[in-house]
């Protein structure tokens, strides 16, 4: 399992707009990776609407928010449009990134998880939830981001 202080595994995936997104392209900015089980599900929608509604707070903390699931790009695009999400949603349809972050349920969907990565690519916060009905501690995420600035 990944731990604070380790290098965050780099990745390249496609977002809802079918653009290639790499973690390394955000060097110099903090990154919040939010793995989630399934687009359009109730808990995921509530979690990401909260992020959407507070995105300016993340922007003010020099943080890029990226949501990651094993859903297809087209599913993510539909969900993003329906809910008005204003941050990247990326498809890990091959489950490679979810495995590298040790955040994959045996049933094949991403565990609800949060990782804060600093501007140098080092993990500063790790929260992997076994219960898919729980959401990460946004208070701890924002506190970690605040300490980085």
C-alpha atoms as a PDB file:
ATOM      1  CA  UNK A   1       0.000   0.000   0.000  1.00  0.00           C
ATOM      2  CA  UNK A   2       1.230   3.482  -0.847  1.00  0.00           C
ATOM      3  CA  UNK A   3       2.250   5.709   2.035  1.00  0.00           C
ATOM      4  CA  UNK A   4       2.902   9.373   2.706  1.00  0.00           C
ATOM      5  CA  UNK A   5       6.415  10.330   1.611  1.00  0.00           C
ATOM      6  CA  UNK A   6       6.552   8.001  -1.387  1.00  0.00           C
ATOM      7  CA  UNK A   7       6.606   9.127  -4.996  1.00  0.00           C
ATOM      8  CA  UNK A   8       3.143   9.022  -6.512  1.00  0.00           C
ATOM      9  CA  UNK A   9       2.989   6.542  -9.397  1.00  0.00           C
ATOM     10  CA  UNK A  10       2.795   8.458 -12.658  1.00  0.00           C
ATOM     11  CA  UNK A  11       0.108   7.567 -15.158  1.00  0.00           C
ATOM     12  CA  UNK A  12      -1.383   8.615 -18.450  1.00  0.00           C
ATOM     13  CA  UNK A  13      -5.117   8.132 -18.982  1.00  0.00           C
ATOM     14  CA  UNK A  14      -7.829   9.687 -21.129  1.00  0.00           C
ATOM     15  CA  UNK A  15     -10.326  12.123 -19.654  1.00  0.00           C
ATOM     16  CA  UNK A  16     -14.031  12.564 -20.436  1.00  0.00           C
ATOM     17  CA  UNK A  17     -13.053  14.792 -23.373  1.00  0.00           C
ATOM     18  CA  UNK A  18     -10.787  12.005 -24.730  1.00  0.00           C
ATOM     19  CA  UNK A  19      -7.651  14.063 -23.996  1.00  0.00           C
ATOM     20  CA  UNK A  20      -4.521  12.402 -22.646  1.00  0.00           C
ATOM     21  CA  UNK A  21      -3.889  13.354 -19.009  1.00  0.00           C
ATOM     22  CA  UNK A  22      -0.657  12.496 -17.179  1.00  0.00           C
ATOM     23  CA  UNK A  23       0.046  13.063 -13.516  1.00  0.00           C
ATOM     24  CA  UNK A  24       3.495  14.392 -14.434  1.00  0.00           C
ATOM     25  CA  UNK A  25       1.968  17.245 -16.462  1.00  0.00           C
ATOM     26  CA  UNK A  26       0.858  18.826 -13.163  1.00  0.00           C
ATOM     27  CA  UNK A  27       4.372  19.083 -11.654  1.00  0.00           C
ATOM     28  CA  UNK A  28       4.541  22.401  -9.848  1.00  0.00           C
ATOM     29  CA  UNK A  29       0.925  22.094  -8.672  1.00  0.00           C
ATOM     30  CA  UNK A  30      -0.626  20.052  -5.914  1.00  0.00           C
ATOM     31  CA  UNK A  31      -2.923  17.278  -7.119  1.00  0.00           C
ATOM     32  CA  UNK A  32      -5.902  15.653  -5.443  1.00  0.00           C
ATOM     33  CA  UNK A  33      -6.633  12.229  -6.930  1.00  0.00           C
ATOM     34  CA  UNK A  34     -10.094  10.953  -6.075  1.00  0.00           C
ATOM     35  CA  UNK A  35     -10.723   7.345  -7.051  1.00  0.00           C
ATOM     36  CA  UNK A  36     -14.405   6.380  -7.073  1.00  0.00           C
ATOM     37  CA  UNK A  37     -16.394   3.201  -7.768  1.00  0.00           C
ATOM     38  CA  UNK A  38     -19.008   4.174 -10.340  1.00  0.00           C
ATOM     39  CA  UNK A  39     -20.301   7.202 -12.226  1.00  0.00           C
ATOM     40  CA  UNK A  40     -23.964   8.053 -11.668  1.00  0.00           C
ATOM     41  CA  UNK A  41     -24.104   6.269  -8.286  1.00  0.00           C
ATOM     42  CA  UNK A  42     -25.588   8.212  -5.380  1.00  0.00           C
ATOM     43  CA  UNK A  43     -22.545   8.440  -3.108  1.00  0.00           C
ATOM     44  CA  UNK A  44     -20.193   9.283  -5.982  1.00  0.00           C
ATOM     45  CA  UNK A  45     -22.541  11.988  -7.237  1.00  0.00           C
ATOM     46  CA  UNK A  46     -22.832  13.556  -3.780  1.00  0.00           C
ATOM     47  CA  UNK A  47     -19.053  13.417  -3.289  1.00  0.00           C
ATOM     48  CA  UNK A  48     -18.243  14.996  -6.634  1.00  0.00           C
ATOM     49  CA  UNK A  49     -20.984  17.638  -6.406  1.00  0.00           C
ATOM     50  CA  UNK A  50     -19.323  18.741  -3.160  1.00  0.00           C
ATOM     51  CA  UNK A  51     -15.984  18.998  -4.983  1.00  0.00           C
ATOM     52  CA  UNK A  52     -17.630  20.865  -7.879  1.00  0.00           C
ATOM     53  CA  UNK A  53     -19.266  23.344  -5.520  1.00  0.00           C
ATOM     54  CA  UNK A  54     -15.986  23.977  -3.680  1.00  0.00           C
ATOM     55  CA  UNK A  55     -13.556  23.870  -6.615  1.00  0.00           C
ATOM     56  CA  UNK A  56     -12.474  27.471  -6.033  1.00  0.00           C
ATOM     57  CA  UNK A  57     -11.124  26.415  -2.624  1.00  0.00           C
ATOM     58  CA  UNK A  58      -8.932  23.787  -4.330  1.00  0.00           C
ATOM     59  CA  UNK A  59      -7.862  26.301  -6.978  1.00  0.00           C
ATOM     60  CA  UNK A  60      -6.882  28.773  -4.250  1.00  0.00           C
ATOM     61  CA  UNK A  61      -4.686  26.047  -2.726  1.00  0.00           C
ATOM     62  CA  UNK A  62      -2.908  25.515  -6.084  1.00  0.00           C
ATOM     63  CA  UNK A  63      -4.524  22.080  -6.428  1.00  0.00           C
ATOM     64  CA  UNK A  64      -5.710  20.220  -9.498  1.00  0.00           C
ATOM     65  CA  UNK A  65      -8.563  17.787  -8.777  1.00  0.00           C
ATOM     66  CA  UNK A  66      -8.730  14.590 -10.833  1.00  0.00           C
ATOM     67  CA  UNK A  67     -11.450  11.963 -10.472  1.00  0.00           C
ATOM     68  CA  UNK A  68     -10.543   8.417 -11.554  1.00  0.00           C
ATOM     69  CA  UNK A  69     -12.773   5.387 -12.117  1.00  0.00           C
ATOM     70  CA  UNK A  70     -12.905   2.299 -14.300  1.00  0.00           C
ATOM     71  CA  UNK A  71     -15.860   3.784 -16.200  1.00  0.00           C
ATOM     72  CA  UNK A  72     -15.426   4.478 -19.919  1.00  0.00           C
ATOM     73  CA  UNK A  73     -14.614   7.957 -21.210  1.00  0.00           C
ATOM     74  CA  UNK A  74     -18.089   8.236 -22.746  1.00  0.00           C
ATOM     75  CA  UNK A  75     -19.803   7.325 -19.458  1.00  0.00           C
ATOM     76  CA  UNK A  76     -17.672   9.884 -17.633  1.00  0.00           C
ATOM     77  CA  UNK A  77     -18.496  12.489 -20.297  1.00  0.00           C
ATOM     78  CA  UNK A  78     -22.243  11.917 -19.852  1.00  0.00           C
ATOM     79  CA  UNK A  79     -21.974  12.117 -16.059  1.00  0.00           C
ATOM     80  CA  UNK A  80     -19.756  15.208 -16.196  1.00  0.00           C
ATOM     81  CA  UNK A  81     -22.211  17.004 -18.473  1.00  0.00           C
ATOM     82  CA  UNK A  82     -25.273  15.972 -16.430  1.00  0.00           C
ATOM     83  CA  UNK A  83     -23.762  17.157 -13.129  1.00  0.00           C
ATOM     84  CA  UNK A  84     -21.753  20.130 -14.446  1.00  0.00           C
ATOM     85  CA  UNK A  85     -18.437  18.908 -13.074  1.00  0.00           C
ATOM     86  CA  UNK A  86     -15.663  21.427 -13.672  1.00  0.00           C
ATOM     87  CA  UNK A  87     -12.578  19.231 -13.174  1.00  0.00           C
ATOM     88  CA  UNK A  88     -10.991  16.265 -14.936  1.00  0.00           C
ATOM     89  CA  UNK A  89     -12.624  12.858 -14.811  1.00  0.00           C
ATOM     90  CA  UNK A  90     -10.341  10.165 -16.223  1.00  0.00           C
ATOM     91  CA  UNK A  91     -10.999   6.606 -17.274  1.00  0.00           C
ATOM     92  CA  UNK A  92      -8.914   3.781 -15.848  1.00  0.00           C
ATOM     93  CA  UNK A  93     -10.861   1.238 -17.865  1.00  0.00           C
ATOM     94  CA  UNK A  94      -7.891  -1.179 -17.918  1.00  0.00           C
ATOM     95  CA  UNK A  95      -7.600  -0.839 -14.102  1.00  0.00           C
ATOM     96  CA  UNK A  96      -3.824  -0.357 -14.279  1.00  0.00           C
ATOM     97  CA  UNK A  97      -3.726   2.888 -12.281  1.00  0.00           C
ATOM     98  CA  UNK A  98      -6.215   1.639  -9.681  1.00  0.00           C
ATOM     99  CA  UNK A  99      -3.954  -1.377  -9.170  1.00  0.00           C
ATOM    100  CA  UNK A 100      -0.796   0.750  -8.942  1.00  0.00           C
ATOM    101  CA  UNK A 101      -2.461   2.869  -6.229  1.00  0.00           C
ATOM    102  CA  UNK A 102      -3.739  -0.314  -4.510  1.00  0.00           C
ATOM    103  CA  UNK A 103      -7.298   0.919  -4.724  1.00  0.00           C
ATOM    104  CA  UNK A 104      -9.192  -1.803  -6.573  1.00  0.00           C
ATOM    105  CA  UNK A 105     -11.959  -3.953  -5.115  1.00  0.00           C
ATOM    106  CA  UNK A 106     -12.011  -7.634  -6.042  1.00  0.00           C
ATOM    107  CA  UNK A 107     -15.227  -6.921  -7.969  1.00  0.00           C
ATOM    108  CA  UNK A 108     -13.167  -4.773 -10.339  1.00  0.00           C
ATOM    109  CA  UNK A 109     -14.130  -1.194  -9.469  1.00  0.00           C
ATOM    110  CA  UNK A 110     -11.990   1.456  -7.802  1.00  0.00           C
ATOM    111  CA  UNK A 111     -12.219   1.877  -4.047  1.00  0.00           C
ATOM    112  CA  UNK A 112     -13.266   5.318  -2.917  1.00  0.00           C
ATOM    113  CA  UNK A 113      -9.878   6.861  -2.155  1.00  0.00           C
ATOM    114  CA  UNK A 114      -8.098  10.173  -1.872  1.00  0.00           C
ATOM    115  CA  UNK A 115      -4.453  11.014  -2.502  1.00  0.00           C
ATOM    116  CA  UNK A 116      -2.874  14.436  -2.124  1.00  0.00           C
ATOM    117  CA  UNK A 117       0.301  14.784  -4.164  1.00  0.00           C
ATOM    118  CA  UNK A 118       2.553  17.777  -3.706  1.00  0.00           C
ATOM    119  CA  UNK A 119       4.081  19.882  -6.468  1.00  0.00           C
ATOM    120  CA  UNK A 120       7.135  17.574  -6.509  1.00  0.00           C
ATOM    121  CA  UNK A 121       5.085  14.394  -7.002  1.00  0.00           C
ATOM    122  CA  UNK A 122       5.323  13.147  -3.395  1.00  0.00           C
ATOM    123  CA  UNK A 123       2.318  11.650  -1.617  1.00  0.00           C
ATOM    124  CA  UNK A 124       1.286  13.878   1.285  1.00  0.00           C
ATOM    125  CA  UNK A 125      -2.067  12.290   2.134  1.00  0.00           C
ATOM    126  CA  UNK A 126      -3.428   8.778   1.563  1.00  0.00           C
ATOM    127  CA  UNK A 127      -6.945   7.581   2.401  1.00  0.00           C
ATOM    128  CA  UNK A 128      -8.279   4.313   0.956  1.00  0.00           C
ATOM    129  CA  UNK A 129     -11.765   3.369   2.118  1.00  0.00           C
ATOM    130  CA  UNK A 130     -12.951  -0.229   2.217  1.00  0.00           C
ATOM    131  CA  UNK A 131     -16.575   0.875   2.660  1.00  0.00           C
ATOM    132  CA  UNK A 132     -17.783   2.356  -0.630  1.00  0.00           C
ATOM    133  CA  UNK A 133     -20.550   4.242   1.166  1.00  0.00           C
ATOM    134  CA  UNK A 134     -18.074   6.390   3.065  1.00  0.00           C
ATOM    135  CA  UNK A 135     -16.421   9.444   1.536  1.00  0.00           C
ATOM    136  CA  UNK A 136     -12.890  10.718   2.114  1.00  0.00           C
ATOM    137  CA  UNK A 137     -12.252  13.338   4.762  1.00  0.00           C
ATOM    138  CA  UNK A 138     -12.332  16.556   2.760  1.00  0.00           C
ATOM    139  CA  UNK A 139     -11.394  18.396   5.939  1.00  0.00           C
ATOM    140  CA  UNK A 140      -8.123  16.402   6.109  1.00  0.00           C
ATOM    141  CA  UNK A 141      -7.523  16.837   2.378  1.00  0.00           C
ATOM    142  CA  UNK A 142      -7.934  20.619   2.594  1.00  0.00           C
ATOM    143  CA  UNK A 143      -5.822  20.771   5.751  1.00  0.00           C
ATOM    144  CA  UNK A 144      -3.033  18.877   3.962  1.00  0.00           C
ATOM    145  CA  UNK A 145      -3.276  21.222   0.964  1.00  0.00           C
ATOM    146  CA  UNK A 146      -3.187  24.283   3.219  1.00  0.00           C
ATOM    147  CA  UNK A 147      -0.003  23.031   4.886  1.00  0.00           C
ATOM    148  CA  UNK A 148       1.647  22.667   1.466  1.00  0.00           C
ATOM    149  CA  UNK A 149       1.169  26.340   0.572  1.00  0.00           C
END
